[in-house]
Amino acid sequence: MTAARNPIPGVVYRPAAESAYYAQQGALTEETLVSAFADVVARHPERVAISEIGRTISYRALDEITDRVAAGLLRLGLKPLDRVVFQLTNTKELLISYVACLKAGLIPICTLAAHRQSEIGYLARHASAKAHFIDGDNDKFDFVAFARSMRAEIPTMQHIVVMRAGPDLDTRDNVHAFESLTEGIDRAQAREVLAGVERDPWQVAIFQLSGGTTGVPKIIPRFHNEYIYSIRAMTRYCGLDETLVAFTPSPLMHNAPMICYWGPALFAGGEIAVTPSLDPEVIGRLMAERKPNWICMPSVIYLRLKSSGVLDRLSFSHVKASTVSSGVPAIEKLTGAPALPLFGMTEGLICYGRVDDPREARETTAGWTVSEFDELRLLRPGSEDDCAEGEIGELAVKGPCVIHGYFDAEERNKEAFTSDMFYRSGDLCGFKTIGGKRFLTFEGRIKDVVSRGGEKINCMEVETAAASHPKIGSIAIVPMPDPAYEERACAFVILAPGAESLSVTELGTFLERAGLAKFKWPERIEIVTDFPMTSSGKLSKPRLKEIIRDKLKEEAAAAPSASDSLMTQRMPA
């Protein structure tokens, strides 16, 4: 069988003929993430699965606790295929909850701890979420109060599950301490409950989120057999095995960490090192103790480790490779270990470099797709015409892990695919041959986003929220280059009549009240009298990008520290 037994309304499933083809090729199998995990437990029961500073959990122990948590979640009244919001920091409880949800047949919605009412409210309503998983020990934000307020607004939301809850947690109205889920459930009872959960390899495993081009992130359904295939294809491509010790401070519920860092560790019998802290000393302690050999850290984290002196105390001699989205030479210089480029999209494509690739390829390209079945095309923007050899074009992809539609988003789906169902990435790319091998190069974006340290900011979403600020007549947000985050958001603003200024702090406070996550707030404002326009009379964001890029260069030349300033600037367009 190559189709889901109980299709979920709003999910776009792969056409039967295509599923059959990939099944015949051995890419998509009858295996689920749950059965793949069971196989790892059988082969490596005593190996370390998860580690924190001073603590480890074996695969055998992880299997047992996730059985009991899964049964506990079903005991609450949740049912297979119910959606649950994951809004958690990087801890062992996140990983335990994730595996438990897979076993219970629940579908995690992969939100971020940084998301607020705008994002959580929309996503939970759109997916008809039944539960909200949160942290209970965050000293900067009261997630319990936040989850209660969200539940009051979301008709389907029934349960709140709190990780590391204190003894004073108010458990009325279906608020549950994570630790209480397993009370009164032993392993045998748990397995009896879970025996009744349907395992369907062609069914949705998780709801990931897109970087998107308009509005809040779109929901991306990812399926059991294609997700395990993607993880294994990446593992094979990079030559990884059970000796893997993976670490990333990036949000674990992102697609890239799942596919490229901790997913390969979990499904090969390796170790996942975790800490919720971004403090350099804490990260340094974890790395010194667990010695991760497969690392992905944003450049800004490396810079913090360096400036704090922590990096100089660490050895990278055992590291297989560090993964970076750009800047391979800089990271190799900092660590002395190989660095590999990574490029991909939550919609399915993963491209990687390899240690044995030519240096030119690792430093100037995004590597190549990890799946032999992926098809890559470069299209002339706005058309379905293939580019001539050597031309830059919009990357369009098709493959065993590439989606066929966003969840319940008919209008967006009409725009996102070609007539022959290649997914339009919105990225400008090229092909480059080095040493007789083809590589992909990233050349820019068509889509209207800022990539801040790997977190995608939808410009239209922020512009829409900011437009009602009483001091703003009109606003346009574009990415500006940044040495630590790669990009930050810069807002070009035409002031409303009577307004004389607008500060970054004022705008941030306004967006906070609007419920937008903090990482989306613009970090620089350029006050202008008008916007540059195209010949057809439309706002020219490419010209705004050039303006801020040139201004930053001027500031850097005048005073090296000026380019890091986040002060409001006044400048005519």
Protein backbone atom coordinates (compact mmCIF):
# COMPACT_ATOMS: atom_id res chain seq x y z
CA MET A 1 0.00 0.00 0.00
CA THR A 2 1.37 3.43 -0.94
CA ALA A 3 -1.29 5.75 0.48
CA ALA A 4 -2.35 6.89 3.95
CA ARG A 5 -5.11 4.73 5.40
CA ASN A 6 -6.87 7.66 7.13
CA PRO A 7 -6.18 10.86 5.17
CA ILE A 8 -6.22 14.10 7.18
CA PRO A 9 -8.36 16.87 5.66
CA GLY A 10 -6.16 19.69 4.43
CA VAL A 11 -3.06 17.51 3.94
CA VAL A 12 -1.81 17.18 0.35
CA TYR A 13 -0.56 13.62 -0.07
CA ARG A 14 1.84 12.41 -2.71
CA PRO A 15 0.14 11.08 -5.88
CA ALA A 16 -0.18 7.29 -5.89
CA ALA A 17 1.92 6.79 -9.02
CA GLU A 18 4.77 8.84 -7.61
CA SER A 19 4.61 7.02 -4.27
CA ALA A 20 4.71 3.71 -6.09
CA TYR A 21 7.76 4.80 -8.10
CA TYR A 22 9.76 5.85 -5.03
CA ALA A 23 8.66 2.67 -3.27
CA GLN A 24 9.93 0.59 -6.19
CA GLN A 25 13.24 2.45 -6.03
CA GLY A 26 13.57 1.63 -2.33
CA ALA A 27 13.42 5.24 -1.16
CA LEU A 28 9.98 5.18 0.48
CA THR A 29 9.36 2.02 2.47
CA GLU A 30 6.82 0.60 4.91
CA GLU A 31 8.93 1.84 7.81
CA THR A 32 7.80 4.52 10.26
CA LEU A 33 9.91 6.71 12.54
CA VAL A 34 8.64 4.55 15.41
CA SER A 35 9.75 1.26 13.86
CA ALA A 36 13.08 2.84 12.88
CA PHE A 37 13.63 3.90 16.49
CA ALA A 38 12.72 0.40 17.73
CA ASP A 39 15.36 -1.04 15.41
CA VAL A 40 18.01 1.28 16.87
CA VAL A 41 17.03 0.33 20.43
CA ALA A 42 17.34 -3.35 19.55
CA ARG A 43 20.83 -2.83 18.10
CA HIS A 44 22.23 -0.34 20.62
CA PRO A 45 20.28 -0.63 23.89
CA GLU A 46 23.10 0.49 26.20
CA ARG A 47 24.58 3.27 24.08
CA VAL A 48 24.00 6.86 25.21
CA ALA A 49 21.03 8.37 23.40
CA ILE A 50 20.74 11.78 25.14
CA SER A 51 23.25 13.63 27.27
CA GLU A 52 23.16 16.77 29.35
CA ILE A 53 25.89 18.14 31.61
CA GLY A 54 26.31 15.45 34.26
CA ARG A 55 23.60 13.11 32.97
CA THR A 56 23.04 10.55 30.23
CA ILE A 57 20.08 8.45 29.07
CA SER A 58 20.57 5.14 27.25
CA TYR A 59 18.50 3.95 24.31
CA ARG A 60 16.93 1.29 26.53
CA ALA A 61 15.91 3.90 29.11
CA LEU A 62 14.69 6.30 26.41
CA ASP A 63 12.54 3.57 24.90
CA GLU A 64 10.95 2.77 28.25
CA ILE A 65 10.25 6.35 29.33
CA THR A 66 8.82 7.30 25.92
CA ASP A 67 6.50 4.28 26.02
CA ARG A 68 5.16 5.42 29.37
CA VAL A 69 4.86 9.09 28.38
CA ALA A 70 3.08 8.11 25.15
CA ALA A 71 0.57 6.03 27.10
CA GLY A 72 0.15 8.90 29.56
CA LEU A 73 -0.68 11.31 26.73
CA LEU A 74 -3.32 8.94 25.39
CA ARG A 75 -4.68 8.56 28.91
CA LEU A 76 -5.40 12.31 28.91
CA GLY A 77 -7.89 11.68 26.12
CA LEU A 78 -5.65 12.68 23.22
CA LYS A 79 -6.05 10.48 20.16
CA PRO A 80 -3.79 9.46 17.26
CA LEU A 81 -3.57 12.18 14.58
CA ASP A 82 -4.39 14.92 17.11
CA ARG A 83 -2.07 17.88 16.69
CA VAL A 84 -0.03 19.22 19.61
CA VAL A 85 1.96 22.45 19.81
CA PHE A 86 5.64 22.04 20.75
CA GLN A 87 6.94 25.33 22.19
CA LEU A 88 10.03 24.10 24.00
CA THR A 89 13.69 24.90 24.51
CA ASN A 90 16.47 22.38 23.88
CA THR A 91 16.21 19.85 26.70
CA LYS A 92 15.96 16.10 27.17
CA GLU A 93 12.24 16.57 27.88
CA LEU A 94 11.73 17.94 24.36
CA LEU A 95 13.36 14.84 22.84
CA ILE A 96 11.45 12.48 25.14
CA SER A 97 8.16 14.22 24.33
CA TYR A 98 8.88 14.12 20.61
CA VAL A 99 9.54 10.37 20.53
CA ALA A 100 6.56 9.78 22.83
CA CYS A 101 4.26 11.71 20.49
CA LEU A 102 5.44 9.63 17.54
CA LYS A 103 4.63 6.47 19.51
CA ALA A 104 1.21 7.80 20.49
CA GLY A 105 0.44 8.83 16.91
CA LEU A 106 0.21 12.51 17.89
CA ILE A 107 1.48 15.11 15.42
CA PRO A 108 3.83 17.75 16.88
CA ILE A 109 3.54 21.28 15.46
CA CYS A 110 7.12 22.51 15.47
CA THR A 111 6.87 26.06 16.80
CA LEU A 112 9.61 28.01 18.57
CA ALA A 113 9.97 29.02 22.20
CA ALA A 114 10.37 32.57 20.87
CA HIS A 115 6.95 32.59 19.21
CA ARG A 116 4.16 34.57 20.83
CA GLN A 117 0.41 35.01 20.47
CA SER A 118 0.51 36.02 16.80
CA GLU A 119 2.30 32.86 15.68
CA ILE A 120 1.00 30.37 18.26
CA GLY A 121 -2.57 31.61 17.98
CA TYR A 122 -2.62 31.30 14.20
CA LEU A 123 -0.83 27.94 13.97
CA ALA A 124 -2.81 26.28 16.78
CA ARG A 125 -6.12 27.42 15.32
CA HIS A 126 -5.19 26.48 11.78
CA ALA A 127 -4.10 22.98 12.79
CA SER A 128 -6.87 22.50 15.40
CA ALA A 129 -4.29 21.76 18.09
CA LYS A 130 -5.42 19.80 21.14
CA ALA A 131 -2.44 20.31 23.48
CA HIS A 132 0.33 22.81 24.17
CA PHE A 133 3.76 21.62 25.39
CA ILE A 134 5.72 24.34 27.23
CA ASP A 135 8.59 24.92 29.66
CA GLY A 136 7.72 25.65 33.26
CA ASP A 137 11.07 26.95 34.51
CA ASN A 138 11.80 29.91 32.26
CA ASP A 139 12.71 32.92 34.42
CA LYS A 140 12.23 35.41 31.56
CA PHE A 141 8.74 34.50 30.36
CA ASP A 142 5.74 32.89 32.03
CA PHE A 143 4.85 30.18 29.53
CA VAL A 144 2.17 28.71 31.79
CA ALA A 145 0.24 31.97 31.89
CA PHE A 146 0.81 32.40 28.17
CA ALA A 147 -0.48 28.89 27.40
CA ARG A 148 -3.57 29.50 29.51
CA SER A 149 -4.28 32.72 27.61
CA MET A 150 -3.82 30.92 24.29
CA ARG A 151 -6.15 28.10 25.34
CA ALA A 152 -8.84 30.64 26.15
CA GLU A 153 -8.68 31.83 22.52
CA ILE A 154 -8.33 28.46 20.74
CA PRO A 155 -11.54 26.38 20.74
CA THR A 156 -9.85 23.01 20.18
CA MET A 157 -7.08 23.42 22.78
CA GLN A 158 -7.72 21.14 25.76
CA HIS A 159 -4.45 20.33 27.52
CA ILE A 160 -1.29 22.10 28.66
CA VAL A 161 1.75 19.94 29.39
CA VAL A 162 4.45 21.66 31.45
CA MET A 163 8.09 20.54 31.45
CA ARG A 164 10.08 20.87 34.69
CA ALA A 165 7.12 22.35 36.54
CA GLY A 166 7.66 23.58 40.09
CA PRO A 167 5.75 22.20 43.09
CA ASP A 168 3.37 25.16 43.04
CA LEU A 169 2.06 24.46 39.52
CA ASP A 170 -1.70 25.00 39.39
CA THR A 171 -2.92 21.80 37.74
CA ARG A 172 -6.57 22.71 37.50
CA ASP A 173 -8.30 22.74 34.12
CA ASN A 174 -6.14 20.14 32.39
CA VAL A 175 -2.73 21.61 33.16
CA HIS A 176 -0.34 18.69 33.61
CA ALA A 177 3.18 18.42 34.94
CA PHE A 178 5.20 16.40 32.44
CA GLU A 179 6.43 14.12 35.22
CA SER A 180 2.86 13.22 36.17
CA LEU A 181 2.11 11.68 32.77
CA THR A 182 3.76 8.41 33.74
CA GLU A 183 2.24 8.06 37.19
CA GLY A 184 0.62 4.66 37.65
CA ILE A 185 1.76 3.39 34.23
CA ASP A 186 4.37 0.64 34.10
CA ARG A 187 6.11 -0.57 30.94
CA ALA A 188 3.76 -3.51 30.35
CA GLN A 189 0.66 -1.33 30.68
CA ALA A 190 2.16 1.27 28.36
CA ARG A 191 2.91 -1.29 25.66
CA GLU A 192 -0.59 -2.68 25.89
CA VAL A 193 -2.03 0.79 25.30
CA LEU A 194 0.35 1.54 22.44
CA ALA A 195 -0.37 -1.75 20.70
CA GLY A 196 -3.64 -0.24 19.55
CA VAL A 197 -2.00 2.77 17.83
CA GLU A 198 -1.97 2.46 14.04
CA ARG A 199 1.46 2.68 12.41
CA ASP A 200 1.16 4.16 8.92
CA PRO A 201 4.38 4.97 7.04
CA TRP A 202 2.47 7.12 4.53
CA GLN A 203 0.86 9.27 7.22
CA VAL A 204 1.93 12.64 8.60
CA ALA A 205 4.56 12.40 11.36
CA ILE A 206 5.05 16.10 12.14
CA PHE A 207 3.91 19.55 11.08
CA GLN A 208 6.96 21.65 10.29
CA LEU A 209 6.87 25.39 9.51
CA SER A 210 8.00 27.19 6.39
CA GLY A 211 10.22 30.22 6.17
CA GLY A 212 7.40 31.49 4.00
CA THR A 213 7.02 34.48 1.73
CA THR A 214 3.87 36.09 3.06
CA GLY A 215 2.22 36.28 6.44
CA VAL A 216 2.94 33.89 9.27
CA PRO A 217 4.71 30.57 8.54
CA LYS A 218 2.84 27.97 6.54
CA ILE A 219 2.40 24.45 7.91
CA ILE A 220 4.38 21.75 6.14
CA PRO A 221 3.26 18.14 6.58
CA ARG A 222 6.21 15.71 6.71
CA PHE A 223 5.54 11.99 6.56
CA HIS A 224 6.98 9.02 8.43
CA ASN A 225 8.69 7.14 5.61
CA GLU A 226 9.96 10.18 3.74
CA TYR A 227 11.34 11.74 6.91
CA ILE A 228 13.29 8.64 7.91
CA TYR A 229 14.50 8.36 4.31
CA SER A 230 15.71 11.98 4.36
CA ILE A 231 17.57 11.44 7.64
CA ARG A 232 19.21 8.26 6.38
CA ALA A 233 20.09 9.75 3.00
CA MET A 234 21.87 12.60 4.77
CA THR A 235 23.58 10.14 7.14
CA ARG A 236 24.88 8.06 4.23
CA TYR A 237 25.92 11.09 2.20
CA CYS A 238 28.07 12.43 5.03
CA GLY A 239 29.42 9.02 6.06
CA LEU A 240 28.01 9.05 9.60
CA ASP A 241 27.34 6.13 11.94
CA GLU A 242 26.66 5.22 15.59
CA THR A 243 29.83 7.02 16.73
CA LEU A 244 28.05 10.31 16.06
CA VAL A 245 27.80 12.77 18.96
CA ALA A 246 25.66 15.65 17.70
CA PHE A 247 25.30 19.11 19.19
CA THR A 248 23.54 22.27 18.08
CA PRO A 249 22.25 25.22 20.11
CA SER A 250 19.76 25.95 17.31
CA PRO A 251 16.11 25.07 18.08
CA LEU A 252 15.84 21.29 17.94
CA MET A 253 12.33 21.40 16.47
CA HIS A 254 13.61 23.07 13.32
CA ASN A 255 13.76 20.85 10.26
CA ALA A 256 17.53 21.19 9.75
CA PRO A 257 18.48 19.94 13.24
CA MET A 258 16.03 17.04 12.89
CA ILE A 259 17.29 15.98 9.47
CA CYS A 260 20.96 16.92 9.72
CA TYR A 261 22.14 16.91 13.37
CA TRP A 262 20.22 15.09 16.07
CA GLY A 263 18.02 13.01 13.76
CA PRO A 264 21.02 11.16 12.28
CA ALA A 265 22.33 10.56 15.81
CA LEU A 266 19.00 9.22 17.08
CA PHE A 267 18.42 6.88 14.16
CA ALA A 268 22.00 5.61 13.88
CA GLY A 269 22.50 4.85 17.56
CA GLY A 270 24.54 7.96 18.28
CA GLU A 271 24.35 10.54 21.04
CA ILE A 272 22.46 13.85 21.20
CA ALA A 273 24.08 16.41 23.50
CA VAL A 274 21.64 19.10 24.68
CA THR A 275 21.51 22.24 26.76
CA PRO A 276 18.86 24.98 26.75
CA SER A 277 21.45 27.62 27.62
CA LEU A 278 23.22 29.87 25.12
CA ASP A 279 25.69 31.01 27.77
CA PRO A 280 29.22 30.41 26.40
CA GLU A 281 30.42 28.88 29.69
CA VAL A 282 27.54 26.38 29.74
CA ILE A 283 28.01 25.44 26.09
CA GLY A 284 31.74 25.09 26.74
CA ARG A 285 31.14 22.75 29.71
CA LEU A 286 28.82 20.56 27.64
CA MET A 287 31.26 20.38 24.74
CA ALA A 288 34.20 19.60 27.02
CA GLU A 289 32.26 16.86 28.81
CA ARG A 290 30.43 15.18 25.90
CA LYS A 291 32.93 15.97 23.10
CA PRO A 292 30.44 16.33 20.23
CA ASN A 293 31.94 15.43 16.87
CA TRP A 294 29.10 16.66 14.62
CA ILE A 295 28.40 20.31 15.36
CA CYS A 296 26.25 23.07 13.96
CA MET A 297 26.44 26.48 15.57
CA PRO A 298 25.47 29.85 14.11
CA SER A 299 28.42 32.18 13.58
CA VAL A 300 27.21 34.39 16.40
CA ILE A 301 27.63 31.53 18.90
CA TYR A 302 31.18 30.86 17.72
CA LEU A 303 31.95 34.56 18.12
CA ARG A 304 30.55 34.55 21.67
CA LEU A 305 32.62 31.48 22.53
CA LYS A 306 35.69 33.19 21.12
CA SER A 307 35.18 36.54 22.84
CA SER A 308 34.52 34.85 26.19
CA GLY A 309 37.70 32.80 25.94
CA VAL A 310 35.76 29.51 26.00
CA LEU A 311 36.67 28.55 22.44
CA ASP A 312 40.38 28.67 23.22
CA ARG A 313 39.88 26.06 25.96
CA LEU A 314 38.14 23.57 23.67
CA SER A 315 39.67 20.98 21.39
CA PHE A 316 38.11 20.23 18.02
CA SER A 317 40.62 17.55 17.04
CA HIS A 318 37.96 14.82 17.33
CA VAL A 319 35.32 16.71 15.32
CA LYS A 320 34.21 15.10 12.06
CA ALA A 321 32.86 18.43 10.82
CA SER A 322 31.01 21.60 11.71
CA THR A 323 28.05 22.59 9.59
CA VAL A 324 27.62 26.22 8.48
CA SER A 325 25.22 28.00 6.16
CA SER A 326 28.07 30.22 4.97
CA GLY A 327 31.60 31.24 5.91
CA VAL A 328 33.40 27.88 5.80
CA PRO A 329 36.92 29.40 5.93
CA ALA A 330 36.12 31.56 8.98
CA ILE A 331 34.75 28.64 11.01
CA GLU A 332 37.64 26.38 10.03
CA LYS A 333 40.07 29.07 11.15
CA LEU A 334 38.30 29.37 14.52
CA THR A 335 38.10 25.63 15.23
CA GLY A 336 40.78 23.96 13.16
CA ALA A 337 38.19 21.33 12.18
CA PRO A 338 36.58 20.78 8.77
CA ALA A 339 33.47 22.83 8.05
CA LEU A 340 30.77 21.84 5.59
CA PRO A 341 28.23 24.00 3.76
CA LEU A 342 24.54 23.22 4.17
CA PHE A 343 21.61 24.48 2.13
CA GLY A 344 18.06 23.29 2.27
CA MET A 345 14.43 24.00 2.86
CA THR A 346 11.83 22.59 5.20
CA GLU A 347 9.79 21.77 2.12
CA GLY A 348 12.17 18.87 1.46
CA LEU A 349 15.52 19.55 -0.23
CA ILE A 350 18.76 19.07 1.72
CA CYS A 351 22.12 19.88 0.10
CA TYR A 352 25.41 19.22 1.90
CA GLY A 353 29.10 19.49 1.36
CA ARG A 354 31.44 16.60 2.14
CA VAL A 355 34.84 16.56 3.77
CA ASP A 356 36.40 15.10 0.62
CA ASP A 357 34.89 17.75 -1.68
CA PRO A 358 37.41 20.11 -3.27
CA ARG A 359 38.17 23.10 -1.05
CA GLU A 360 36.76 25.44 -3.72
CA ALA A 361 33.46 23.56 -3.56
CA ARG A 362 33.25 23.68 0.24
CA GLU A 363 34.07 27.40 0.30
CA THR A 364 32.01 28.67 -2.64
CA THR A 365 29.03 26.31 -3.05
CA ALA A 366 26.19 24.77 -1.06
CA GLY A 367 27.26 21.22 -1.87
CA TRP A 368 24.80 18.91 -3.61
CA THR A 369 21.57 17.12 -2.79
CA VAL A 370 21.88 14.18 -0.41
CA SER A 371 19.20 12.18 -2.27
CA GLU A 372 20.03 10.53 -5.56
CA PHE A 373 16.36 10.81 -6.54
CA ASP A 374 16.06 14.59 -6.22
CA GLU A 375 15.54 16.56 -9.43
CA LEU A 376 16.83 20.15 -9.49
CA ARG A 377 15.94 22.76 -12.09
CA LEU A 378 16.77 26.44 -12.49
CA LEU A 379 13.87 28.46 -13.88
CA ARG A 380 13.77 31.97 -15.24
CA PRO A 381 11.94 33.86 -12.46
CA GLY A 382 8.24 34.18 -13.08
CA SER A 383 8.18 31.42 -15.68
CA GLU A 384 8.49 27.67 -16.12
CA ASP A 385 11.31 28.05 -18.64
CA ASP A 386 14.60 26.38 -17.77
CA CYS A 387 17.64 28.62 -17.64
CA ALA A 388 20.43 28.20 -20.13
CA GLU A 389 23.63 26.56 -18.89
CA GLY A 390 25.51 29.01 -16.67
CA GLU A 391 22.50 31.23 -15.92
CA ILE A 392 21.22 32.03 -12.44
CA GLY A 393 17.60 31.13 -11.85
CA GLU A 394 14.94 30.18 -9.33
CA LEU A 395 15.61 26.75 -7.87
CA ALA A 396 12.73 24.31 -8.39
CA VAL A 397 12.86 20.81 -6.93
CA LYS A 398 11.06 17.48 -6.93
CA GLY A 399 11.95 14.33 -5.01
CA PRO A 400 10.90 11.69 -2.49
CA CYS A 401 10.99 14.20 0.38
CA VAL A 402 9.68 17.31 -1.39
CA ILE A 403 6.16 18.34 -0.38
CA HIS A 404 3.18 18.52 -2.69
CA GLY A 405 1.36 21.20 -0.76
CA TYR A 406 1.17 23.19 2.45
CA PHE A 407 -1.49 22.21 4.97
CA ASP A 408 -4.90 23.69 4.19
CA ALA A 409 -3.44 26.46 2.00
CA GLU A 410 -5.05 26.11 -1.41
CA GLU A 411 -4.19 29.59 -2.69
CA ARG A 412 -0.54 29.38 -1.61
CA ASN A 413 -0.25 25.93 -3.19
CA LYS A 414 -1.35 27.34 -6.55
CA GLU A 415 1.66 29.69 -6.45
CA ALA A 416 4.22 27.32 -4.97
CA PHE A 417 4.43 24.65 -7.68
CA THR A 418 5.00 24.44 -11.40
CA SER A 419 2.48 22.70 -13.63
CA ASP A 420 4.52 19.48 -13.35
CA MET A 421 4.72 19.77 -9.53
CA PHE A 422 8.24 21.05 -9.03
CA TYR A 423 8.35 23.10 -5.83
CA ARG A 424 9.38 26.72 -6.43
CA SER A 425 11.91 27.55 -3.71
CA GLY A 426 12.00 31.32 -4.07
CA ASP A 427 15.82 31.06 -3.97
CA LEU A 428 18.12 32.20 -6.75
CA CYS A 429 20.74 29.53 -7.42
CA GLY A 430 23.28 28.38 -9.97
CA PHE A 431 25.12 25.21 -10.92
CA LYS A 432 28.90 25.03 -10.77
CA THR A 433 31.15 22.19 -11.92
CA ILE A 434 34.33 21.61 -9.93
CA GLY A 435 36.59 18.63 -10.49
CA GLY A 436 34.03 17.07 -12.79
CA LYS A 437 31.28 17.19 -10.16
CA ARG A 438 28.22 19.45 -10.14
CA PHE A 439 27.48 21.67 -7.13
CA LEU A 440 24.72 24.12 -6.23
CA THR A 441 25.43 27.76 -5.48
CA PHE A 442 23.14 30.11 -3.57
CA GLU A 443 22.90 33.52 -5.25
CA GLY A 444 20.10 35.32 -3.40
CA ARG A 445 16.35 35.29 -2.92
CA ILE A 446 13.21 36.10 -4.78
CA LYS A 447 11.10 35.57 -1.68
CA ASP A 448 10.65 38.43 0.74
CA VAL A 449 12.42 37.15 3.86
CA VAL A 450 15.27 37.96 6.21
CA SER A 451 17.41 35.06 7.43
CA ARG A 452 18.59 36.11 10.89
CA GLY A 453 21.00 33.49 12.19
CA GLY A 454 19.00 30.84 10.34
CA GLU A 455 15.60 32.07 11.62
CA LYS A 456 13.43 33.22 8.74
CA ILE A 457 11.55 36.50 9.15
CA ASN A 458 8.61 37.08 6.82
CA CYS A 459 8.89 40.75 5.87
CA MET A 460 5.21 41.13 4.98
CA GLU A 461 4.13 39.71 8.34
CA VAL A 462 6.18 42.32 10.22
CA GLU A 463 5.25 45.14 7.84
CA THR A 464 1.55 44.36 8.30
CA ALA A 465 1.87 44.39 12.09
CA ALA A 466 3.95 47.57 12.13
CA ALA A 467 1.84 49.52 9.64
CA SER A 468 -0.72 50.46 12.30
CA HIS A 469 1.89 52.21 14.45
CA PRO A 470 0.70 55.84 14.73
CA LYS A 471 4.10 57.20 13.67
CA ILE A 472 4.36 55.06 10.53
CA GLY A 473 2.97 56.25 7.24
CA SER A 474 4.54 53.46 5.23
CA ILE A 475 7.14 50.76 5.95
CA ALA A 476 9.31 48.37 3.95
CA ILE A 477 11.56 45.78 5.59
CA VAL A 478 14.64 44.31 3.91
CA PRO A 479 17.63 42.25 5.02
CA MET A 480 20.86 44.03 5.82
CA PRO A 481 24.18 42.15 5.96
CA ASP A 482 25.56 41.32 9.41
CA PRO A 483 28.87 39.65 10.31
CA ALA A 484 27.41 37.58 13.17
CA TYR A 485 23.83 36.75 12.09
CA GLU A 486 24.42 36.95 8.29
CA GLU A 487 21.33 39.16 8.04
CA ARG A 488 19.26 41.41 10.28
CA ALA A 489 16.02 43.24 9.52
CA CYS A 490 16.19 46.88 8.51
CA ALA A 491 12.98 48.92 8.29
CA PHE A 492 12.72 51.80 5.84
CA VAL A 493 10.00 54.08 7.18
CA ILE A 494 8.09 57.04 5.80
CA LEU A 495 6.78 58.84 8.88
CA ALA A 496 3.12 59.65 9.31
CA PRO A 497 2.14 63.34 9.18
CA GLY A 498 3.16 65.08 12.37
CA ALA A 499 5.64 62.40 13.46
CA GLU A 500 9.24 63.56 13.82
CA SER A 501 11.07 60.34 14.66
CA LEU A 502 10.70 56.62 15.36
CA SER A 503 13.19 54.59 17.37
CA VAL A 504 14.01 50.90 17.21
CA THR A 505 12.86 50.60 20.84
CA GLU A 506 9.49 52.23 20.13
CA LEU A 507 8.82 49.94 17.20
CA GLY A 508 9.94 46.87 19.16
CA THR A 509 7.61 47.71 22.05
CA PHE A 510 4.74 48.11 19.61
CA LEU A 511 5.45 44.77 17.92
CA GLU A 512 5.72 43.07 21.29
CA ARG A 513 2.19 44.24 22.11
CA ALA A 514 1.13 42.95 18.68
CA GLY A 515 2.34 39.49 19.71
CA LEU A 516 5.30 39.07 17.36
CA ALA A 517 8.34 37.04 18.38
CA LYS A 518 11.29 39.25 19.33
CA PHE A 519 13.69 37.89 16.69
CA LYS A 520 11.37 39.36 14.03
CA TRP A 521 11.62 42.95 15.23
CA PRO A 522 13.62 45.31 12.96
CA GLU A 523 17.02 46.16 14.42
CA ARG A 524 17.62 49.31 12.43
CA ILE A 525 15.34 52.00 11.07
CA GLU A 526 16.05 54.26 8.10
CA ILE A 527 13.72 57.27 7.95
CA VAL A 528 13.07 58.26 4.33
CA THR A 529 10.83 60.71 2.51
CA ASP A 530 9.89 58.26 -0.23
CA PHE A 531 10.72 54.80 -1.52
CA PRO A 532 12.67 53.94 -4.69
CA MET A 533 10.33 52.59 -7.35
CA THR A 534 10.67 50.25 -10.31
CA SER A 535 9.90 51.31 -13.87
CA SER A 536 6.45 49.76 -13.44
CA GLY A 537 5.73 51.91 -10.38
CA LYS A 538 6.29 49.27 -7.68
CA LEU A 539 8.40 49.55 -4.54
CA SER A 540 11.97 48.40 -5.32
CA LYS A 541 13.21 46.29 -2.43
CA PRO A 542 16.38 45.37 -4.35
CA ARG A 543 17.25 49.06 -4.39
CA LEU A 544 16.55 49.35 -0.63
CA LYS A 545 18.89 46.41 -0.04
CA GLU A 546 21.59 48.20 -2.05
CA ILE A 547 21.06 51.42 -0.11
CA ILE A 548 21.48 49.84 3.32
CA ARG A 549 24.36 47.64 2.15
CA ASP A 550 26.21 50.69 0.80
CA LYS A 551 25.52 52.72 3.92
CA LEU A 552 26.89 49.96 6.15
CA LYS A 553 30.04 49.84 4.03
CA GLU A 554 30.45 53.60 4.40
CA GLU A 555 30.00 53.38 8.16
CA ALA A 556 32.46 50.51 8.44
CA ALA A 557 35.05 52.46 6.47
CA ALA A 558 34.57 55.54 8.64
CA ALA A 559 34.57 53.66 11.97
CA PRO A 560 34.84 49.83 12.12
CA SER A 561 32.37 49.57 14.99
CA ALA A 562 29.73 51.67 13.29
CA SER A 563 28.45 48.80 11.16
CA ASP A 564 27.21 47.03 14.27
CA SER A 565 25.11 49.99 15.39
CA LEU A 566 21.39 49.46 15.79
CA MET A 567 20.61 53.16 16.19
CA THR A 568 17.87 54.82 14.19
CA GLN A 569 19.27 56.49 11.09
CA ARG A 570 17.80 59.23 8.92
CA MET A 571 18.47 58.95 5.23
CA PRO A 572 16.75 59.98 1.98
CA ALA A 573 15.94 57.24 -0.49
